[in-house]
Amino acid sequence: MLLERLSNDVSNIAAYMEFRTGILKHIRFEETVLLPTARQANSGQAIELAAKLRLDHGAIASLLVPSPTPTIIRAIQTILVTHNALEEGPDGVYAECDTLLGEDTERLIQEFETMRPVPLAKNTDIPLAMEAAGRALERAGFSRSLIDP
């Protein structure tokens, strides 16, 4: 896994960029395609875990703004452990979406596979970026201490 490689060597810029590109594409797909389509299929009601997923997505995206450090990589790993558990498994978001979307699931998978990557901005290490990341972590239910030095 790319994130595990990065936890051992944050200077591996190619692995970081591959991870950053992939996770942002994944987040964009869930936010702009999967969750809205599931809401529509669910009589206009958001699926139960949609709000939590959105908060996690915000925290992850905020941690991709500053340059990668071992602390930031560990924080992303921490979020992904709980986030992936919410998405995967027999009672996860993906199972719920499969049930709601039925035959539409294959079309959505195809849409994800053909989706273009998110344009990336350069990392920035201004203090405001870390402050924003700390707030996003807290909103998502994580401790700001994940990124405190």
N, C-alpha and C. Protein backbone atom coordinates (compact mmCIF):
# COMPACT_ATOMS: atom_id res chain seq x y z
N MET A 1 0.84 -1.18 0.00
CA MET A 1 0.00 0.00 0.00
C MET A 1 0.89 1.24 0.00
N LEU A 2 0.48 2.22 -0.77
CA LEU A 2 1.27 3.45 -0.91
C LEU A 2 1.49 4.15 0.43
N LEU A 3 0.47 4.21 1.22
CA LEU A 3 0.57 4.93 2.49
C LEU A 3 1.58 4.26 3.43
N GLU A 4 1.63 2.95 3.41
CA GLU A 4 2.62 2.24 4.23
C GLU A 4 4.04 2.56 3.75
N ARG A 5 4.22 2.59 2.45
CA ARG A 5 5.55 2.96 1.91
C ARG A 5 5.92 4.37 2.34
N LEU A 6 4.94 5.26 2.35
CA LEU A 6 5.20 6.65 2.73
C LEU A 6 5.52 6.78 4.21
N SER A 7 4.93 5.93 5.03
CA SER A 7 5.20 6.04 6.46
C SER A 7 6.66 5.70 6.75
N ASN A 8 7.28 4.95 5.87
CA ASN A 8 8.70 4.61 6.02
C ASN A 8 9.62 5.60 5.31
N ASP A 9 9.07 6.35 4.35
CA ASP A 9 9.90 7.26 3.56
C ASP A 9 9.05 8.36 2.94
N VAL A 10 8.82 9.46 3.70
CA VAL A 10 7.99 10.55 3.17
C VAL A 10 8.67 11.31 2.05
N SER A 11 9.94 11.04 1.82
CA SER A 11 10.63 11.72 0.73
C SER A 11 10.33 11.06 -0.62
N ASN A 12 9.59 9.96 -0.63
CA ASN A 12 9.22 9.28 -1.87
C ASN A 12 8.09 10.07 -2.54
N ILE A 13 8.48 11.11 -3.24
CA ILE A 13 7.51 12.04 -3.84
C ILE A 13 6.61 11.33 -4.85
N ALA A 14 7.13 10.40 -5.62
CA ALA A 14 6.31 9.70 -6.61
C ALA A 14 5.19 8.92 -5.92
N ALA A 15 5.50 8.22 -4.84
CA ALA A 15 4.48 7.47 -4.11
C ALA A 15 3.46 8.41 -3.48
N TYR A 16 3.94 9.53 -2.93
CA TYR A 16 3.03 10.50 -2.31
C TYR A 16 2.08 11.07 -3.36
N MET A 17 2.60 11.45 -4.50
CA MET A 17 1.74 12.03 -5.54
C MET A 17 0.74 11.00 -6.06
N GLU A 18 1.16 9.76 -6.18
CA GLU A 18 0.23 8.72 -6.61
C GLU A 18 -0.88 8.54 -5.57
N PHE A 19 -0.50 8.51 -4.28
CA PHE A 19 -1.50 8.40 -3.22
C PHE A 19 -2.43 9.61 -3.23
N ARG A 20 -1.86 10.80 -3.27
CA ARG A 20 -2.64 12.05 -3.23
C ARG A 20 -3.62 12.10 -4.40
N THR A 21 -3.15 11.78 -5.59
CA THR A 21 -4.02 11.77 -6.77
C THR A 21 -5.15 10.76 -6.62
N GLY A 22 -4.81 9.56 -6.17
CA GLY A 22 -5.81 8.50 -6.04
C GLY A 22 -6.85 8.79 -4.97
N ILE A 23 -6.42 9.26 -3.81
CA ILE A 23 -7.37 9.50 -2.72
C ILE A 23 -8.28 10.68 -3.05
N LEU A 24 -7.76 11.70 -3.70
CA LEU A 24 -8.61 12.83 -4.08
C LEU A 24 -9.62 12.43 -5.16
N LYS A 25 -9.24 11.57 -6.07
CA LYS A 25 -10.19 11.07 -7.07
C LYS A 25 -11.28 10.25 -6.37
N HIS A 26 -10.88 9.42 -5.44
CA HIS A 26 -11.82 8.60 -4.67
C HIS A 26 -12.81 9.49 -3.92
N ILE A 27 -12.30 10.50 -3.24
CA ILE A 27 -13.16 11.43 -2.49
C ILE A 27 -14.11 12.16 -3.44
N ARG A 28 -13.58 12.66 -4.55
CA ARG A 28 -14.44 13.38 -5.50
C ARG A 28 -15.55 12.48 -6.01
N PHE A 29 -15.22 11.23 -6.33
CA PHE A 29 -16.24 10.31 -6.82
C PHE A 29 -17.33 10.10 -5.78
N GLU A 30 -16.92 9.83 -4.54
CA GLU A 30 -17.93 9.59 -3.51
C GLU A 30 -18.79 10.83 -3.27
N GLU A 31 -18.16 11.99 -3.25
CA GLU A 31 -18.89 13.23 -2.95
C GLU A 31 -19.78 13.70 -4.10
N THR A 32 -19.35 13.51 -5.33
CA THR A 32 -20.10 14.07 -6.45
C THR A 32 -20.94 13.05 -7.21
N VAL A 33 -20.65 11.76 -7.02
CA VAL A 33 -21.39 10.75 -7.78
C VAL A 33 -22.07 9.75 -6.83
N LEU A 34 -21.29 9.03 -6.04
CA LEU A 34 -21.85 7.92 -5.26
C LEU A 34 -22.88 8.39 -4.22
N LEU A 35 -22.50 9.30 -3.34
CA LEU A 35 -23.42 9.72 -2.28
C LEU A 35 -24.66 10.43 -2.82
N PRO A 36 -24.53 11.33 -3.81
CA PRO A 36 -25.75 11.93 -4.36
C PRO A 36 -26.65 10.91 -5.07
N THR A 37 -26.06 9.94 -5.76
CA THR A 37 -26.86 8.92 -6.45
C THR A 37 -27.57 8.03 -5.43
N ALA A 38 -26.87 7.69 -4.35
CA ALA A 38 -27.49 6.89 -3.29
C ALA A 38 -28.62 7.66 -2.62
N ARG A 39 -28.42 8.96 -2.38
CA ARG A 39 -29.48 9.78 -1.78
C ARG A 39 -30.71 9.78 -2.69
N GLN A 40 -30.49 9.95 -3.97
CA GLN A 40 -31.61 9.97 -4.91
C GLN A 40 -32.34 8.62 -4.90
N ALA A 41 -31.59 7.53 -4.86
CA ALA A 41 -32.20 6.20 -4.85
C ALA A 41 -32.88 5.90 -3.51
N ASN A 42 -32.55 6.66 -2.49
CA ASN A 42 -33.10 6.47 -1.15
C ASN A 42 -34.20 7.51 -0.87
N SER A 43 -35.01 7.78 -1.88
CA SER A 43 -36.14 8.71 -1.75
C SER A 43 -35.72 10.10 -1.28
N GLY A 44 -34.52 10.53 -1.70
CA GLY A 44 -34.05 11.86 -1.36
C GLY A 44 -33.41 11.99 0.01
N GLN A 45 -33.31 10.89 0.73
CA GLN A 45 -32.69 10.90 2.06
C GLN A 45 -31.24 10.44 1.96
N ALA A 46 -30.35 11.19 2.58
CA ALA A 46 -28.94 10.79 2.59
C ALA A 46 -28.80 9.46 3.33
N ILE A 47 -27.88 8.64 2.88
CA ILE A 47 -27.64 7.39 3.61
C ILE A 47 -27.07 7.74 4.98
N GLU A 48 -27.23 6.83 5.91
CA GLU A 48 -26.94 7.10 7.32
C GLU A 48 -25.54 7.64 7.58
N LEU A 49 -24.54 7.10 6.92
CA LEU A 49 -23.16 7.47 7.22
C LEU A 49 -22.60 8.57 6.31
N ALA A 50 -23.42 9.15 5.47
CA ALA A 50 -22.92 10.15 4.51
C ALA A 50 -22.27 11.33 5.21
N ALA A 51 -22.88 11.84 6.26
CA ALA A 51 -22.32 13.02 6.95
C ALA A 51 -20.95 12.71 7.55
N LYS A 52 -20.80 11.54 8.15
CA LYS A 52 -19.51 11.16 8.74
C LYS A 52 -18.46 10.99 7.64
N LEU A 53 -18.83 10.38 6.53
CA LEU A 53 -17.88 10.23 5.42
C LEU A 53 -17.41 11.59 4.94
N ARG A 54 -18.32 12.54 4.84
CA ARG A 54 -17.96 13.88 4.36
C ARG A 54 -17.00 14.56 5.32
N LEU A 55 -17.21 14.40 6.61
CA LEU A 55 -16.28 14.98 7.59
C LEU A 55 -14.90 14.35 7.48
N ASP A 56 -14.87 13.03 7.32
CA ASP A 56 -13.59 12.33 7.13
C ASP A 56 -12.90 12.81 5.86
N HIS A 57 -13.67 12.94 4.78
CA HIS A 57 -13.10 13.42 3.52
C HIS A 57 -12.47 14.79 3.69
N GLY A 58 -13.15 15.66 4.41
CA GLY A 58 -12.62 17.00 4.67
C GLY A 58 -11.31 16.95 5.44
N ALA A 59 -11.25 16.07 6.45
CA ALA A 59 -10.03 15.94 7.24
C ALA A 59 -8.88 15.39 6.39
N ILE A 60 -9.17 14.38 5.60
CA ILE A 60 -8.13 13.79 4.74
C ILE A 60 -7.63 14.84 3.74
N ALA A 61 -8.55 15.51 3.07
CA ALA A 61 -8.16 16.51 2.07
C ALA A 61 -7.34 17.63 2.72
N SER A 62 -7.71 18.03 3.92
CA SER A 62 -6.96 19.11 4.58
C SER A 62 -5.54 18.69 4.91
N LEU A 63 -5.35 17.40 5.15
CA LEU A 63 -4.00 16.90 5.46
C LEU A 63 -3.15 16.75 4.20
N LEU A 64 -3.75 16.88 3.05
CA LEU A 64 -3.01 16.81 1.78
C LEU A 64 -2.56 18.18 1.31
N VAL A 65 -2.91 19.23 2.05
CA VAL A 65 -2.50 20.58 1.68
C VAL A 65 -1.04 20.84 2.05
N PRO A 66 -0.64 20.60 3.31
CA PRO A 66 0.79 20.81 3.63
C PRO A 66 1.65 19.70 3.03
N SER A 67 2.93 19.94 3.00
CA SER A 67 3.87 18.90 2.54
C SER A 67 3.79 17.69 3.45
N PRO A 68 3.98 16.50 2.89
CA PRO A 68 3.88 15.30 3.72
C PRO A 68 5.00 15.23 4.76
N THR A 69 4.63 14.81 5.94
CA THR A 69 5.58 14.55 7.02
C THR A 69 5.18 13.21 7.62
N PRO A 70 6.06 12.60 8.40
CA PRO A 70 5.65 11.35 9.07
C PRO A 70 4.40 11.54 9.93
N THR A 71 4.27 12.69 10.59
CA THR A 71 3.10 12.96 11.43
C THR A 71 1.83 13.03 10.59
N ILE A 72 1.88 13.71 9.47
CA ILE A 72 0.71 13.82 8.61
C ILE A 72 0.34 12.46 8.03
N ILE A 73 1.31 11.70 7.61
CA ILE A 73 1.03 10.36 7.06
C ILE A 73 0.37 9.50 8.12
N ARG A 74 0.87 9.53 9.37
CA ARG A 74 0.26 8.75 10.45
C ARG A 74 -1.17 9.22 10.72
N ALA A 75 -1.42 10.52 10.66
CA ALA A 75 -2.77 11.04 10.87
C ALA A 75 -3.72 10.53 9.77
N ILE A 76 -3.27 10.55 8.54
CA ILE A 76 -4.10 10.03 7.43
C ILE A 76 -4.37 8.55 7.64
N GLN A 77 -3.35 7.80 8.03
CA GLN A 77 -3.55 6.37 8.29
C GLN A 77 -4.58 6.14 9.38
N THR A 78 -4.53 6.94 10.44
CA THR A 78 -5.48 6.82 11.54
C THR A 78 -6.91 7.05 11.06
N ILE A 79 -7.08 8.09 10.27
CA ILE A 79 -8.42 8.38 9.74
C ILE A 79 -8.89 7.25 8.85
N LEU A 80 -8.02 6.77 7.99
CA LEU A 80 -8.43 5.74 7.03
C LEU A 80 -8.80 4.42 7.68
N VAL A 81 -8.22 4.11 8.82
CA VAL A 81 -8.59 2.87 9.52
C VAL A 81 -10.08 2.89 9.85
N THR A 82 -10.55 3.98 10.46
CA THR A 82 -11.97 4.04 10.81
C THR A 82 -12.84 4.32 9.58
N HIS A 83 -12.35 5.15 8.68
CA HIS A 83 -13.11 5.50 7.49
C HIS A 83 -13.36 4.26 6.62
N ASN A 84 -12.32 3.48 6.37
CA ASN A 84 -12.48 2.29 5.54
C ASN A 84 -13.43 1.28 6.18
N ALA A 85 -13.42 1.20 7.51
CA ALA A 85 -14.34 0.29 8.19
C ALA A 85 -15.79 0.73 7.97
N LEU A 86 -16.04 2.02 7.88
CA LEU A 86 -17.39 2.52 7.61
C LEU A 86 -17.83 2.21 6.18
N GLU A 87 -16.89 2.19 5.26
CA GLU A 87 -17.22 1.97 3.85
C GLU A 87 -17.35 0.49 3.50
N GLU A 88 -16.50 -0.32 4.06
CA GLU A 88 -16.40 -1.72 3.63
C GLU A 88 -17.12 -2.64 4.60
N GLY A 89 -17.30 -3.90 4.20
CA GLY A 89 -17.93 -4.88 5.06
C GLY A 89 -19.41 -5.02 4.77
N PRO A 90 -20.03 -6.02 5.39
CA PRO A 90 -21.43 -6.34 5.06
C PRO A 90 -22.42 -5.25 5.46
N ASP A 91 -22.09 -4.41 6.43
CA ASP A 91 -22.99 -3.34 6.84
C ASP A 91 -22.46 -1.96 6.47
N GLY A 92 -21.45 -1.92 5.61
CA GLY A 92 -20.80 -0.66 5.26
C GLY A 92 -21.57 0.12 4.21
N VAL A 93 -21.05 1.30 3.96
CA VAL A 93 -21.66 2.21 2.98
C VAL A 93 -21.73 1.57 1.61
N TYR A 94 -20.69 0.87 1.21
CA TYR A 94 -20.71 0.27 -0.13
C TYR A 94 -21.79 -0.79 -0.25
N ALA A 95 -21.99 -1.58 0.80
CA ALA A 95 -23.04 -2.59 0.77
C ALA A 95 -24.42 -1.92 0.69
N GLU A 96 -24.58 -0.84 1.44
CA GLU A 96 -25.84 -0.10 1.41
C GLU A 96 -26.08 0.49 0.02
N CYS A 97 -25.03 1.03 -0.57
CA CYS A 97 -25.16 1.59 -1.92
C CYS A 97 -25.47 0.50 -2.94
N ASP A 98 -24.85 -0.66 -2.81
CA ASP A 98 -25.15 -1.77 -3.72
C ASP A 98 -26.63 -2.13 -3.66
N THR A 99 -27.17 -2.18 -2.45
CA THR A 99 -28.59 -2.50 -2.27
C THR A 99 -29.48 -1.43 -2.88
N LEU A 100 -29.16 -0.18 -2.60
CA LEU A 100 -29.98 0.93 -3.12
C LEU A 100 -29.89 1.06 -4.63
N LEU A 101 -28.69 0.87 -5.18
CA LEU A 101 -28.46 1.19 -6.58
C LEU A 101 -28.67 0.02 -7.52
N GLY A 102 -28.60 -1.19 -7.01
CA GLY A 102 -28.86 -2.38 -7.83
C GLY A 102 -28.04 -2.39 -9.10
N GLU A 103 -28.74 -2.42 -10.24
CA GLU A 103 -28.07 -2.52 -11.54
C GLU A 103 -27.24 -1.28 -11.87
N ASP A 104 -27.54 -0.16 -11.24
CA ASP A 104 -26.79 1.07 -11.48
C ASP A 104 -25.36 1.00 -10.96
N THR A 105 -25.08 0.05 -10.09
CA THR A 105 -23.76 -0.07 -9.48
C THR A 105 -22.67 -0.21 -10.53
N GLU A 106 -22.89 -1.05 -11.52
CA GLU A 106 -21.88 -1.26 -12.56
C GLU A 106 -21.60 0.02 -13.33
N ARG A 107 -22.64 0.78 -13.62
CA ARG A 107 -22.46 2.05 -14.32
C ARG A 107 -21.62 3.01 -13.50
N LEU A 108 -21.84 3.04 -12.19
CA LEU A 108 -21.08 3.93 -11.32
C LEU A 108 -19.62 3.50 -11.23
N ILE A 109 -19.38 2.21 -11.20
CA ILE A 109 -17.99 1.71 -11.18
C ILE A 109 -17.29 2.15 -12.46
N GLN A 110 -17.97 2.03 -13.57
CA GLN A 110 -17.41 2.47 -14.85
C GLN A 110 -17.14 3.98 -14.84
N GLU A 111 -18.05 4.73 -14.24
CA GLU A 111 -17.87 6.18 -14.17
C GLU A 111 -16.63 6.53 -13.34
N PHE A 112 -16.43 5.79 -12.25
CA PHE A 112 -15.24 6.03 -11.44
C PHE A 112 -13.98 5.73 -12.23
N GLU A 113 -13.98 4.62 -12.93
CA GLU A 113 -12.79 4.21 -13.68
C GLU A 113 -12.43 5.19 -14.78
N THR A 114 -13.41 5.88 -15.33
CA THR A 114 -13.13 6.83 -16.41
C THR A 114 -13.01 8.27 -15.91
N MET A 115 -13.22 8.48 -14.62
CA MET A 115 -13.15 9.83 -14.06
C MET A 115 -11.71 10.34 -14.13
N ARG A 116 -11.59 11.58 -14.52
CA ARG A 116 -10.26 12.20 -14.60
C ARG A 116 -9.75 12.51 -13.20
N PRO A 117 -8.44 12.56 -13.04
CA PRO A 117 -7.88 12.93 -11.73
C PRO A 117 -8.23 14.37 -11.37
N VAL A 118 -8.23 14.63 -10.08
CA VAL A 118 -8.46 15.98 -9.57
C VAL A 118 -7.20 16.80 -9.85
N PRO A 119 -7.34 18.01 -10.39
CA PRO A 119 -6.14 18.85 -10.57
C PRO A 119 -5.53 19.15 -9.19
N LEU A 120 -4.24 19.01 -9.10
CA LEU A 120 -3.55 19.18 -7.82
C LEU A 120 -2.88 20.55 -7.73
N ALA A 121 -3.06 21.17 -6.59
CA ALA A 121 -2.31 22.38 -6.27
C ALA A 121 -1.02 21.94 -5.58
N LYS A 122 -0.04 22.81 -5.57
CA LYS A 122 1.19 22.51 -4.86
C LYS A 122 0.91 22.49 -3.36
N ASN A 123 1.65 21.68 -2.65
CA ASN A 123 1.55 21.69 -1.19
C ASN A 123 2.00 23.04 -0.67
N THR A 124 1.40 23.46 0.43
CA THR A 124 1.79 24.71 1.06
C THR A 124 1.95 24.49 2.56
N ASP A 125 2.97 25.06 3.10
CA ASP A 125 3.28 24.85 4.51
C ASP A 125 3.01 26.07 5.37
N ILE A 126 2.10 26.91 4.95
CA ILE A 126 1.77 28.08 5.75
C ILE A 126 1.04 27.62 7.03
N PRO A 127 1.19 28.33 8.12
CA PRO A 127 0.54 27.93 9.38
C PRO A 127 -0.97 27.75 9.26
N LEU A 128 -1.60 28.55 8.42
CA LEU A 128 -3.04 28.45 8.24
C LEU A 128 -3.45 27.04 7.75
N ALA A 129 -2.62 26.40 6.95
CA ALA A 129 -2.94 25.07 6.44
C ALA A 129 -3.02 24.06 7.58
N MET A 130 -2.08 24.12 8.51
CA MET A 130 -2.10 23.19 9.64
C MET A 130 -3.24 23.52 10.60
N GLU A 131 -3.53 24.79 10.76
CA GLU A 131 -4.66 25.19 11.62
C GLU A 131 -5.97 24.66 11.03
N ALA A 132 -6.14 24.81 9.74
CA ALA A 132 -7.34 24.31 9.07
C ALA A 132 -7.42 22.79 9.19
N ALA A 133 -6.30 22.12 9.05
CA ALA A 133 -6.28 20.66 9.18
C ALA A 133 -6.69 20.25 10.59
N GLY A 134 -6.20 20.96 11.59
CA GLY A 134 -6.57 20.67 12.97
C GLY A 134 -8.07 20.80 13.20
N ARG A 135 -8.66 21.86 12.66
CA ARG A 135 -10.11 22.06 12.80
C ARG A 135 -10.89 20.96 12.07
N ALA A 136 -10.41 20.59 10.88
CA ALA A 136 -11.09 19.53 10.13
C ALA A 136 -11.01 18.19 10.86
N LEU A 137 -9.88 17.92 11.48
CA LEU A 137 -9.75 16.69 12.27
C LEU A 137 -10.77 16.69 13.41
N GLU A 138 -10.87 17.79 14.12
CA GLU A 138 -11.80 17.87 15.24
C GLU A 138 -13.25 17.73 14.79
N ARG A 139 -13.61 18.37 13.68
CA ARG A 139 -14.98 18.24 13.16
C ARG A 139 -15.31 16.79 12.84
N ALA A 140 -14.30 16.05 12.37
CA ALA A 140 -14.51 14.65 11.99
C ALA A 140 -14.43 13.71 13.20
N GLY A 141 -14.19 14.28 14.38
CA GLY A 141 -14.17 13.45 15.59
C GLY A 141 -12.81 12.93 15.98
N PHE A 142 -11.76 13.46 15.37
CA PHE A 142 -10.39 13.06 15.69
C PHE A 142 -9.73 14.15 16.52
N SER A 143 -8.67 13.80 17.18
CA SER A 143 -7.96 14.75 18.01
C SER A 143 -6.97 15.57 17.17
N ARG A 144 -6.92 16.83 17.44
CA ARG A 144 -5.93 17.71 16.81
C ARG A 144 -4.52 17.23 17.14
N SER A 145 -4.38 16.51 18.24
CA SER A 145 -3.06 16.03 18.64
C SER A 145 -2.44 15.08 17.62
N LEU A 146 -3.25 14.56 16.68
CA LEU A 146 -2.70 13.73 15.63
C LEU A 146 -1.64 14.46 14.81
N ILE A 147 -1.75 15.79 14.74
CA ILE A 147 -0.79 16.55 13.93
C ILE A 147 0.04 17.53 14.74
N ASP A 148 -0.19 17.58 16.04
CA ASP A 148 0.63 18.45 16.86
C ASP A 148 2.05 17.91 16.95
N PRO A 149 3.03 18.82 16.87
CA PRO A 149 4.43 18.35 16.93
C PRO A 149 4.79 17.78 18.29
